Each structure stands twice: as C-alpha cells, then as structure tokens.
C-alpha cells in the first residue's frame, strides 16, 4: 500500500491516509527518512551526479545505467551498499566510497564490521574506497593499499 499519512490516532491505533483510507495497526513504525548528505567535492553538480532517495532519482539512475560502464556510489550505508550491489549486478564496475574507513559507519563499529566488509568485497566484486579530504582514495578495501586518484 502506498499513501500519504494525514492523521495518526494512537488511541485507536489507526492511520488515516490523505485519500481517506484508514489503516489499523498493532505496532507503528515512523520512518521518515533522511536528507542525503552531499559532500563538498569538485564535480558534485555535474549532469550524472544525483542523490538516491526519491522515486524520480531512482528512475534517473535506472535510465543512466543503460549506457554506463563505471559508477561511483558515495556513502557506504545500507542504501549505498544496496545501490552498489544493484549496479554491480547489471555489469557496471562500481566503486563504493565513504568518508569513514568502513561500511555501515552509522550502524556498526569498525571493530565489528571487518568480516562483513570482507565478504561484501569478495562476493559482490565491487571496490570499497575511502574519501579523504578533497581527494578520492581508491583501493581494494578501505584504509588498505589505497591510491590517490
């Protein structure tokens, strides 16, 4: 179901949608999302640079992949990893870059992510990189044997 919530009645456990439909619930999770962080790096305003949060952005990315051979995904959170996996699955050489030195930086501490990060690198065959200052450092794994590009 898709709709815009107009009212939540916590006592009767009902959500009223803008179209008038009422949805009853046992547990309510409010997941309003987040505004994407745009790093201050050269080229951020170029034509094929986009954020990935809305359906329109998804369609723009999907359209761009028709003639794409390489892609860079900045942000190694859950959404960035999923996008990198999807691009990789359709044969696009994908680089996953983050400002932190490991994937899922907002969810998992560095000392707990090493094995998961290794498995993603091996199984997905995309390159995970670290964004350092104004330069892109590209390597097989974040923080290891990186090269400045």
N, C-alpha and C. Protein backbone atom coordinates (compact mmCIF):
# COMPACT_ATOMS: atom_id res chain seq x y z
N UNK A 1 0.84 -1.18 0.00
CA UNK A 1 0.00 0.00 0.00
C UNK A 1 0.89 1.24 0.00
N UNK A 2 0.44 2.23 -0.68
CA UNK A 2 1.21 3.47 -0.76
C UNK A 2 0.26 4.63 -0.54
N UNK A 3 0.64 5.57 0.26
CA UNK A 3 -0.19 6.73 0.51
C UNK A 3 0.51 7.72 1.41
N UNK A 4 -0.15 8.84 1.62
CA UNK A 4 0.38 9.89 2.48
C UNK A 4 -0.44 9.91 3.76
N UNK A 5 0.24 9.73 4.90
CA UNK A 5 -0.45 9.75 6.19
C UNK A 5 -0.86 11.18 6.51
N UNK A 6 -2.13 11.33 6.84
CA UNK A 6 -2.65 12.65 7.18
C UNK A 6 -2.90 12.78 8.68
N UNK A 7 -3.22 11.63 9.33
CA UNK A 7 -3.50 11.66 10.76
C UNK A 7 -3.17 10.30 11.38
N UNK A 8 -2.64 10.33 12.60
CA UNK A 8 -2.39 9.10 13.35
C UNK A 8 -3.17 9.20 14.65
N UNK A 9 -4.03 8.21 14.89
CA UNK A 9 -4.78 8.13 16.14
C UNK A 9 -4.14 7.03 16.96
N UNK A 10 -3.33 7.43 17.94
CA UNK A 10 -2.58 6.46 18.73
C UNK A 10 -3.48 5.65 19.66
N UNK A 11 -4.60 6.23 20.10
CA UNK A 11 -5.51 5.51 20.99
C UNK A 11 -6.21 4.36 20.27
N UNK A 12 -6.71 4.63 19.06
CA UNK A 12 -7.42 3.58 18.32
C UNK A 12 -6.49 2.81 17.39
N UNK A 13 -5.22 3.16 17.38
CA UNK A 13 -4.21 2.51 16.54
C UNK A 13 -4.63 2.50 15.08
N UNK A 14 -4.87 3.72 14.55
CA UNK A 14 -5.28 3.89 13.17
C UNK A 14 -4.50 5.03 12.52
N UNK A 15 -4.19 4.83 11.24
CA UNK A 15 -3.57 5.88 10.44
C UNK A 15 -4.55 6.22 9.33
N UNK A 16 -4.90 7.50 9.22
CA UNK A 16 -5.78 7.97 8.15
C UNK A 16 -4.93 8.55 7.04
N UNK A 17 -5.13 8.02 5.83
CA UNK A 17 -4.38 8.49 4.68
C UNK A 17 -5.07 9.68 4.02
N UNK A 18 -4.34 10.40 3.21
CA UNK A 18 -4.86 11.58 2.53
C UNK A 18 -6.06 11.23 1.65
N UNK A 19 -6.07 10.01 1.07
CA UNK A 19 -7.18 9.60 0.21
C UNK A 19 -8.40 9.11 1.00
N UNK A 20 -8.33 9.17 2.33
CA UNK A 20 -9.46 8.77 3.17
C UNK A 20 -9.39 7.36 3.71
N UNK A 21 -8.53 6.51 3.14
CA UNK A 21 -8.38 5.15 3.66
C UNK A 21 -7.85 5.18 5.09
N UNK A 22 -8.31 4.23 5.89
CA UNK A 22 -7.87 4.11 7.28
C UNK A 22 -7.19 2.77 7.44
N UNK A 23 -6.00 2.78 8.00
CA UNK A 23 -5.24 1.57 8.22
C UNK A 23 -5.12 1.33 9.71
N UNK A 24 -5.53 0.14 10.16
CA UNK A 24 -5.37 -0.24 11.56
C UNK A 24 -4.00 -0.90 11.72
N UNK A 25 -3.40 -0.74 12.88
CA UNK A 25 -2.08 -1.33 13.11
C UNK A 25 -1.98 -1.87 14.53
N UNK A 26 -1.05 -2.83 14.71
CA UNK A 26 -0.70 -3.32 16.04
C UNK A 26 0.51 -2.55 16.56
N UNK A 27 1.51 -2.41 15.70
CA UNK A 27 2.72 -1.64 16.02
C UNK A 27 2.93 -0.63 14.91
N UNK A 28 3.30 0.57 15.24
CA UNK A 28 3.53 1.63 14.25
C UNK A 28 5.00 2.01 14.26
N UNK A 29 5.60 1.99 13.10
CA UNK A 29 6.97 2.44 12.94
C UNK A 29 6.94 3.69 12.06
N UNK A 30 7.44 4.78 12.56
CA UNK A 30 7.50 6.02 11.78
C UNK A 30 8.92 6.14 11.25
N UNK A 31 9.07 5.96 9.95
CA UNK A 31 10.38 6.01 9.29
C UNK A 31 10.33 7.11 8.24
N UNK A 32 10.65 8.30 8.65
CA UNK A 32 10.50 9.47 7.77
C UNK A 32 11.68 9.68 6.84
N UNK A 33 12.73 8.89 6.99
CA UNK A 33 13.88 9.04 6.10
C UNK A 33 14.81 10.14 6.57
N UNK A 34 15.68 10.50 5.67
CA UNK A 34 16.72 11.47 5.99
C UNK A 34 17.06 12.26 4.74
N UNK A 35 17.58 13.43 4.92
CA UNK A 35 18.05 14.23 3.79
C UNK A 35 19.46 13.78 3.46
N UNK A 36 19.73 13.43 2.19
CA UNK A 36 21.07 12.96 1.83
C UNK A 36 22.14 14.01 2.11
N UNK A 37 23.28 13.57 2.63
CA UNK A 37 24.43 14.44 2.84
C UNK A 37 25.20 14.55 1.53
N UNK A 38 25.43 15.75 1.06
CA UNK A 38 26.17 15.98 -0.19
C UNK A 38 27.56 16.48 0.20
N UNK A 39 28.61 15.67 -0.03
CA UNK A 39 29.96 16.12 0.32
C UNK A 39 30.42 17.27 -0.57
N UNK A 40 31.24 18.12 -0.05
CA UNK A 40 31.75 19.27 -0.80
C UNK A 40 32.99 18.84 -1.59
N UNK A 41 32.75 18.22 -2.74
CA UNK A 41 33.85 17.76 -3.59
C UNK A 41 33.66 18.31 -5.00
N UNK A 42 34.76 18.53 -5.72
CA UNK A 42 34.65 19.05 -7.09
C UNK A 42 33.82 18.12 -7.97
N UNK A 43 32.97 18.70 -8.82
CA UNK A 43 32.17 17.93 -9.77
C UNK A 43 30.82 17.47 -9.25
N UNK A 44 30.48 17.84 -8.04
CA UNK A 44 29.25 17.36 -7.41
C UNK A 44 28.00 17.82 -8.16
N UNK A 45 28.12 18.91 -8.96
CA UNK A 45 26.97 19.44 -9.69
C UNK A 45 26.92 19.00 -11.15
N UNK A 46 27.74 18.03 -11.54
CA UNK A 46 27.73 17.57 -12.92
C UNK A 46 26.44 16.83 -13.26
N UNK A 47 26.17 16.66 -14.54
CA UNK A 47 24.90 16.11 -15.04
C UNK A 47 24.52 14.76 -14.42
N UNK A 48 25.40 13.81 -14.41
CA UNK A 48 25.04 12.47 -13.94
C UNK A 48 25.34 12.23 -12.47
N UNK A 49 25.44 13.29 -11.69
CA UNK A 49 25.62 13.17 -10.24
C UNK A 49 24.25 13.42 -9.61
N UNK A 50 23.79 12.46 -8.82
CA UNK A 50 22.46 12.58 -8.21
C UNK A 50 22.45 11.94 -6.83
N UNK A 51 21.52 12.34 -6.02
CA UNK A 51 21.28 11.66 -4.76
C UNK A 51 20.35 10.48 -5.04
N UNK A 52 20.09 9.68 -4.04
CA UNK A 52 19.25 8.50 -4.23
C UNK A 52 18.32 8.37 -3.05
N UNK A 53 17.16 9.00 -3.16
CA UNK A 53 16.17 8.93 -2.09
C UNK A 53 14.76 8.83 -2.65
N UNK A 54 14.48 9.52 -3.75
CA UNK A 54 13.12 9.56 -4.27
C UNK A 54 12.95 8.62 -5.46
N UNK A 55 11.71 8.38 -5.83
CA UNK A 55 11.42 7.55 -7.00
C UNK A 55 11.96 8.19 -8.27
N UNK A 56 11.85 9.53 -8.39
CA UNK A 56 12.39 10.23 -9.56
C UNK A 56 13.89 10.02 -9.69
N UNK A 57 14.60 10.06 -8.56
CA UNK A 57 16.05 9.84 -8.59
C UNK A 57 16.36 8.40 -9.00
N UNK A 58 15.57 7.45 -8.52
CA UNK A 58 15.75 6.06 -8.91
C UNK A 58 15.57 5.90 -10.41
N UNK A 59 14.54 6.51 -10.97
CA UNK A 59 14.29 6.41 -12.41
C UNK A 59 15.41 7.06 -13.22
N UNK A 60 15.94 8.18 -12.72
CA UNK A 60 17.07 8.84 -13.38
C UNK A 60 18.31 7.95 -13.38
N UNK A 61 18.56 7.28 -12.26
CA UNK A 61 19.69 6.36 -12.17
C UNK A 61 19.47 5.17 -13.10
N UNK A 62 18.27 4.63 -13.09
CA UNK A 62 17.95 3.49 -13.95
C UNK A 62 18.16 3.86 -15.41
N UNK A 63 17.71 5.04 -15.81
CA UNK A 63 17.88 5.49 -17.19
C UNK A 63 19.36 5.67 -17.53
N UNK A 64 20.13 6.20 -16.59
CA UNK A 64 21.56 6.45 -16.83
C UNK A 64 22.34 5.15 -16.97
N UNK A 65 21.86 4.08 -16.36
CA UNK A 65 22.62 2.82 -16.39
C UNK A 65 22.59 2.14 -17.75
N UNK A 66 21.73 2.58 -18.65
CA UNK A 66 21.63 1.94 -19.97
C UNK A 66 22.95 2.00 -20.74
N UNK A 67 23.71 3.09 -20.59
CA UNK A 67 24.96 3.26 -21.33
C UNK A 67 26.15 3.41 -20.38
N UNK A 68 26.03 2.89 -19.18
CA UNK A 68 27.04 3.09 -18.15
C UNK A 68 27.96 1.88 -18.04
N UNK A 69 29.27 2.15 -17.92
CA UNK A 69 30.23 1.08 -17.71
C UNK A 69 30.82 1.13 -16.32
N UNK A 70 30.95 2.34 -15.75
CA UNK A 70 31.50 2.51 -14.41
C UNK A 70 30.62 3.47 -13.62
N UNK A 71 30.54 3.23 -12.31
CA UNK A 71 29.75 4.11 -11.44
C UNK A 71 30.46 4.26 -10.10
N UNK A 72 30.23 5.38 -9.46
CA UNK A 72 30.73 5.65 -8.12
C UNK A 72 29.53 5.93 -7.23
N UNK A 73 29.43 5.21 -6.12
CA UNK A 73 28.40 5.45 -5.13
C UNK A 73 29.11 6.00 -3.90
N UNK A 74 28.76 7.22 -3.50
CA UNK A 74 29.36 7.82 -2.31
C UNK A 74 28.37 7.63 -1.16
N UNK A 75 28.83 6.92 -0.15
CA UNK A 75 28.00 6.62 1.02
C UNK A 75 27.87 5.12 1.18
N UNK A 76 28.57 4.56 2.16
CA UNK A 76 28.58 3.11 2.37
C UNK A 76 27.64 2.69 3.49
N UNK A 77 26.50 3.40 3.59
CA UNK A 77 25.45 2.96 4.49
C UNK A 77 24.62 1.89 3.79
N UNK A 78 23.52 1.50 4.39
CA UNK A 78 22.70 0.43 3.83
C UNK A 78 22.20 0.74 2.42
N UNK A 79 21.73 1.96 2.19
CA UNK A 79 21.21 2.32 0.87
C UNK A 79 22.34 2.37 -0.16
N UNK A 80 23.48 2.93 0.20
CA UNK A 80 24.62 2.98 -0.71
C UNK A 80 25.10 1.60 -1.09
N UNK A 81 25.16 0.69 -0.12
CA UNK A 81 25.58 -0.69 -0.39
C UNK A 81 24.58 -1.36 -1.33
N UNK A 82 23.28 -1.20 -1.07
CA UNK A 82 22.26 -1.81 -1.93
C UNK A 82 22.35 -1.27 -3.35
N UNK A 83 22.55 0.03 -3.51
CA UNK A 83 22.67 0.61 -4.84
C UNK A 83 23.91 0.08 -5.55
N UNK A 84 25.04 0.01 -4.83
CA UNK A 84 26.27 -0.52 -5.42
C UNK A 84 26.08 -1.98 -5.83
N UNK A 85 25.39 -2.76 -5.02
CA UNK A 85 25.12 -4.16 -5.37
C UNK A 85 24.25 -4.25 -6.62
N UNK A 86 23.23 -3.40 -6.72
CA UNK A 86 22.33 -3.41 -7.88
C UNK A 86 23.08 -3.02 -9.15
N UNK A 87 23.92 -1.99 -9.07
CA UNK A 87 24.70 -1.58 -10.24
C UNK A 87 25.66 -2.69 -10.65
N UNK A 88 26.31 -3.27 -9.67
CA UNK A 88 27.24 -4.37 -9.93
C UNK A 88 26.53 -5.56 -10.58
N UNK A 89 25.31 -5.84 -10.14
CA UNK A 89 24.55 -6.99 -10.65
C UNK A 89 24.20 -6.86 -12.13
N UNK A 90 24.12 -5.62 -12.63
CA UNK A 90 23.82 -5.43 -14.06
C UNK A 90 25.09 -5.18 -14.86
N UNK A 91 26.25 -5.52 -14.27
CA UNK A 91 27.50 -5.48 -15.01
C UNK A 91 28.23 -4.15 -15.03
N UNK A 92 27.88 -3.24 -14.15
CA UNK A 92 28.54 -1.93 -14.09
C UNK A 92 29.65 -2.00 -13.05
N UNK A 93 30.89 -1.67 -13.44
CA UNK A 93 32.02 -1.62 -12.50
C UNK A 93 31.71 -0.52 -11.49
N UNK A 94 31.62 -0.90 -10.22
CA UNK A 94 31.13 0.02 -9.20
C UNK A 94 32.16 0.24 -8.10
N UNK A 95 32.34 1.51 -7.74
CA UNK A 95 33.18 1.90 -6.62
C UNK A 95 32.27 2.44 -5.53
N UNK A 96 32.40 1.91 -4.33
CA UNK A 96 31.63 2.35 -3.17
C UNK A 96 32.57 3.14 -2.27
N UNK A 97 32.25 4.42 -2.04
CA UNK A 97 33.15 5.33 -1.32
C UNK A 97 32.44 5.89 -0.10
N UNK A 98 33.18 6.00 1.00
CA UNK A 98 32.63 6.61 2.21
C UNK A 98 33.69 7.47 2.88
N UNK A 99 33.26 8.42 3.69
CA UNK A 99 34.20 9.27 4.43
C UNK A 99 34.79 8.53 5.62
N UNK A 100 34.13 7.48 6.08
CA UNK A 100 34.64 6.68 7.18
C UNK A 100 35.51 5.56 6.61
N UNK A 101 36.18 4.83 7.46
CA UNK A 101 37.10 3.79 6.99
C UNK A 101 36.47 2.40 6.94
N UNK A 102 35.12 2.33 7.00
CA UNK A 102 34.44 1.04 6.89
C UNK A 102 33.00 1.25 6.43
N UNK A 103 32.38 0.17 5.96
CA UNK A 103 30.99 0.25 5.53
C UNK A 103 30.06 0.33 6.75
N UNK A 104 28.84 0.74 6.50
CA UNK A 104 27.80 0.88 7.54
C UNK A 104 28.30 1.68 8.74
N UNK A 105 28.90 2.85 8.52
CA UNK A 105 29.53 3.58 9.62
C UNK A 105 28.55 4.07 10.69
N UNK A 106 27.28 4.28 10.35
CA UNK A 106 26.31 4.75 11.34
C UNK A 106 25.67 3.59 12.11
N UNK A 107 25.91 2.36 11.65
CA UNK A 107 25.25 1.21 12.25
C UNK A 107 26.17 0.29 13.04
N UNK A 108 27.42 0.16 12.57
CA UNK A 108 28.32 -0.84 13.15
C UNK A 108 29.69 -0.21 13.42
N UNK A 109 30.26 -0.52 14.57
CA UNK A 109 31.61 -0.04 14.88
C UNK A 109 32.64 -0.73 14.00
N UNK A 110 33.77 -0.05 13.81
CA UNK A 110 34.83 -0.54 12.94
C UNK A 110 35.31 -1.94 13.33
N UNK A 111 35.45 -2.19 14.63
CA UNK A 111 35.97 -3.49 15.07
C UNK A 111 34.98 -4.64 14.86
N UNK A 112 33.73 -4.33 14.56
CA UNK A 112 32.73 -5.38 14.35
C UNK A 112 32.39 -5.60 12.87
N UNK A 113 32.89 -4.76 11.97
CA UNK A 113 32.46 -4.83 10.58
C UNK A 113 33.46 -5.52 9.66
N UNK A 114 34.65 -5.79 10.14
CA UNK A 114 35.73 -6.31 9.29
C UNK A 114 35.31 -7.53 8.47
N UNK A 115 34.73 -8.54 9.11
CA UNK A 115 34.34 -9.76 8.39
C UNK A 115 33.24 -9.48 7.37
N UNK A 116 32.22 -8.71 7.75
CA UNK A 116 31.15 -8.36 6.82
C UNK A 116 31.65 -7.59 5.62
N UNK A 117 32.56 -6.66 5.86
CA UNK A 117 33.14 -5.87 4.77
C UNK A 117 33.94 -6.77 3.83
N UNK A 118 34.71 -7.71 4.39
CA UNK A 118 35.50 -8.64 3.57
C UNK A 118 34.58 -9.47 2.68
N UNK A 119 33.47 -9.95 3.25
CA UNK A 119 32.53 -10.78 2.48
C UNK A 119 31.88 -9.99 1.35
N UNK A 120 31.53 -8.75 1.62
CA UNK A 120 30.94 -7.92 0.57
C UNK A 120 31.93 -7.69 -0.56
N UNK A 121 33.17 -7.41 -0.22
CA UNK A 121 34.20 -7.20 -1.25
C UNK A 121 34.36 -8.46 -2.09
N UNK A 122 34.44 -9.60 -1.46
CA UNK A 122 34.64 -10.87 -2.18
C UNK A 122 33.41 -11.27 -2.99
N UNK A 123 32.23 -11.21 -2.38
CA UNK A 123 31.01 -11.71 -3.03
C UNK A 123 30.44 -10.75 -4.07
N UNK A 124 30.52 -9.47 -3.82
CA UNK A 124 29.92 -8.50 -4.74
C UNK A 124 30.89 -8.05 -5.82
N UNK A 125 32.18 -8.22 -5.59
CA UNK A 125 33.21 -7.84 -6.53
C UNK A 125 33.16 -6.36 -6.91
N UNK A 126 32.77 -5.51 -5.99
CA UNK A 126 32.96 -4.09 -6.24
C UNK A 126 33.99 -3.55 -5.28
N UNK A 127 34.57 -2.43 -5.63
CA UNK A 127 35.66 -1.86 -4.87
C UNK A 127 35.12 -0.91 -3.82
N UNK A 128 35.55 -1.09 -2.58
CA UNK A 128 35.18 -0.19 -1.50
C UNK A 128 36.34 0.76 -1.27
N UNK A 129 36.05 2.05 -1.19
CA UNK A 129 37.08 3.08 -1.12
C UNK A 129 36.78 4.04 0.02
N UNK A 130 37.77 4.81 0.38
CA UNK A 130 37.62 5.81 1.43
C UNK A 130 37.82 7.19 0.83
N UNK A 131 36.92 8.12 1.14
CA UNK A 131 37.02 9.50 0.70
C UNK A 131 37.78 10.26 1.78
N UNK A 132 38.94 10.81 1.42
CA UNK A 132 39.78 11.50 2.39
C UNK A 132 39.95 12.95 1.94
N UNK A 133 39.45 13.88 2.74
CA UNK A 133 39.57 15.29 2.40
C UNK A 133 38.97 15.57 1.04
N UNK A 134 39.71 16.25 0.17
CA UNK A 134 39.22 16.59 -1.16
C UNK A 134 39.68 15.59 -2.21
N UNK A 135 40.39 14.52 -1.83
CA UNK A 135 40.88 13.56 -2.80
C UNK A 135 40.19 12.23 -2.65
N UNK A 136 40.02 11.52 -3.74
CA UNK A 136 39.44 10.18 -3.68
C UNK A 136 40.56 9.17 -3.57
N UNK A 137 40.47 8.31 -2.60
CA UNK A 137 41.45 7.26 -2.42
C UNK A 137 40.78 5.95 -2.81
N UNK A 138 41.31 5.30 -3.82
CA UNK A 138 40.66 4.10 -4.34
C UNK A 138 41.54 2.90 -4.10
N UNK A 139 40.97 1.85 -3.54
CA UNK A 139 41.73 0.63 -3.27
C UNK A 139 40.82 -0.55 -3.12
N UNK A 140 41.37 -1.72 -2.84
CA UNK A 140 40.58 -2.94 -2.70
C UNK A 140 39.70 -2.93 -1.45
N UNK A 141 40.18 -2.33 -0.39
CA UNK A 141 39.38 -2.22 0.82
C UNK A 141 39.71 -0.89 1.48
N UNK A 142 38.77 -0.33 2.18
CA UNK A 142 39.00 0.97 2.78
C UNK A 142 40.16 0.91 3.76
N UNK A 143 41.04 1.91 3.65
CA UNK A 143 42.15 2.03 4.57
C UNK A 143 43.30 1.10 4.27
N UNK A 144 43.26 0.30 3.20
CA UNK A 144 44.32 -0.64 2.89
C UNK A 144 44.80 -0.43 1.46
N UNK A 145 46.10 -0.27 1.28
CA UNK A 145 46.71 -0.17 -0.03
C UNK A 145 45.94 0.76 -0.97
N UNK A 146 45.60 1.95 -0.51
CA UNK A 146 44.85 2.87 -1.31
C UNK A 146 45.75 3.74 -2.18
N UNK A 147 45.20 4.22 -3.27
CA UNK A 147 45.92 5.13 -4.16
C UNK A 147 45.11 6.39 -4.31
N UNK A 148 45.77 7.53 -4.33
CA UNK A 148 45.08 8.78 -4.55
C UNK A 148 44.81 8.93 -6.03
N UNK A 149 43.57 9.25 -6.39
CA UNK A 149 43.18 9.45 -7.79
C UNK A 149 42.77 10.89 -8.01
